[in-house]
Amino acid sequence: MNKIPECITRFLPPFWRETATGRDPQSLFSYRRVWWWVIISMTTVSILPLLLLTVMNLNQYQRSVYSEMVYPASRLVSNVKRSVSFFLEERRSALTFLVEDNSFEQLTDKRHLGKLFVHLKKSFGGFIDLGVIDVQGRQRAYVGPYPLQDKNYKEQTWFGEVVMRGIYISDVFRGFRDVPHFIIAVKHEQEDGSFFILRATIDTSELYDLVEHLDIRPGWDAFIVNKEGLLQTPSRSHGKVLEASGVQVPPYSTSTKILQTPDWITGYAYIPKSPFIFMLLREQGGSADGWDKLRNEVLIFLGVSVVVILFVILGVVTFLVNRIYMADKTRSAAMRRIEHTGKMASIGRLAAGVAHEINNPLAIINEKSGLIKDLLTYSKDYKEDPRLLDLIEAVLRSVERCSTITHRLLGFARHIDVRVESLDMANLLEEVLGFLKKEAEYRDIHIGLHADEDLPEIQSDRGQLQQVFLNIVNNAFAAVDNGGEINIGLHKIGTNRVAVMIADNGKGISPENLKRIFDPFFSTKTKQGGTGLGLSITYGLVEKLGGSIRVQSQLGEGTTFTIELPVKR
């Protein structure tokens, strides 16, 4: 992994540089990890609602803009659809009434047909001519401005359509007269099986008026097309009558529809029972520009807000985590001082036993030395006296015993950093129990030490392990009555851990106290001078050495401490 440049490192908070020198074993947790988790959680909680609110507001505004554009267009298209449909239906109904109310003979009477034509023009308007066509397609009677009498329409498309459908409304076409128009034709079946067709030509200006007089805004375009996309009315921007509109014919629908494309908003409606499609087009430009401007402003505001929130979160979280880190460093330093104080307190508690251990050898030295003096004074030939050698040997053994005890005490009390060495756990525990041997004999406490045969040596610190085991065994001594029992077991766990189990048959610990057993300054023996630091220090030392400690206890049955230590650190 690439190292962070020094120019950046100097700006990092102290906890960020923690991994470079190794995390303090007494530290509560990894502050980098805490910093990351707090940053992620606070960022999520702060920014996610802002993002959701922004998306919701943009969607709501987009719907409002769309509704503002769509609703007027939809309403206008629906109104025109009804107007054109009524216009066509009114004239179709009039023609249907005429063929139902008049016979073929009456309708082929030109005078009678002329009267009917005049009535139609007065009542409805928009009629250009009126003709009666027989089954052969020949126009038998005609009233109008064009010379279409006896014209044959059998080959015309519209003739076949009206024969097949009965009623037919054509799209706009030029026909024989070469003038844009459309027709409405009604077929009437006679009793003899033949039929005739009443055909009327409708002035397209009526359609033009329906479309051109619409109150539409600039940028809008309204027109009617047929199913091939040919214009049936003039258009502002898409051409003249019977020219291709250039607009794709929309899919069929019985209701008014609104379609959106990048360039246009298109409203359309199919006119019932006709080939006409009314279309209303509006350019997207103005509304799209307004929408894009608002969206960009909202996104810029969102971006600035996110940056500000991130800076605030980074600053506040870094400050708080760094304060916690510094407090933890202070706590760790205090715990180390308490450890040393605990060692000194342990030495004080052992002072009486140590004094007793030292006084006995010193008394022997004193007595043996006096006896040697007497022998040397009264014996003429002391060189050959074997008792002299025995006495001197006893003196040496006693002196060696004093030296061993003194060195143990000094080694335990020495305040040094962790020094890892290979340790035989059984020998180490025997050394610790040697400090308490006299008290055990005095109180008749039985101590059993059992070790697995294949127990490996471990790599750890002798002095700190001595303090750990001495604290726990001292607690066991305090828990058992005279004549009690303490069992210590050494077991191998897997290939890389060793477990030390220290069990007593004392009073046990209540569940409430068991939860707080390793808390600093918690003690059940405050009235007897307990400080509540022993087990807290023990817990910290075990964690510092890479191990773990747990306790099980039952009231009235005893307590078992289990310490697991790694074979190698």
Foldseek 3Di string as FASTA:
>chain_A
DDDDDPVVVVPAFPLVCCPVVDHFLLFPDRLVVVLVVLLVVLLCVPQVVVVVVLVVVLVVVVVVLVCVVVVVVQVLQVVLLVVVLCLVVVVLVLQVVVPVVDDPVQCLPQVSVVVSVVVCCVPRNQWAKKFKAWQQQFTSYIDHDDPRHRPGCPVPPVVVVCVVPQWAWAAWDLPPPRDTWIKIKGWDADPVGTIMIMMTIGHLVVVQCSFVPDPDDPQKWKFKAFQVQATRQQIPPQGHHRHRRPDDRDDADQGWDWDDDQFWIKIWHDRPRYRIIIIMIGTCPPSVVVSVVVSVVSVVVSVVVSVVSSVVSSVVSSVVSSVVVVVSVVVVVVLLVVLLVVLVVVLVVLVVVLCVLLVVLVVLLVVLVVVLVVCVVPPPCCVPPVVNVVSVVSNVVSVVSNVVSVVVSCVLNDDDDWDWDWDDVQVLVVVLVVSCVVVCVVLVEAEAEEEDPPDGTAITGSNLVSLLVNLVVVVLVVFAHRNWYWYWYWDDDPDWKIKIKIKTQGQWDDPVCQVCLLPAQDDPVVVVPDRRSSNVSSQSSLSSQVKHWHKDIDGNGIIMIMIMGTRYD
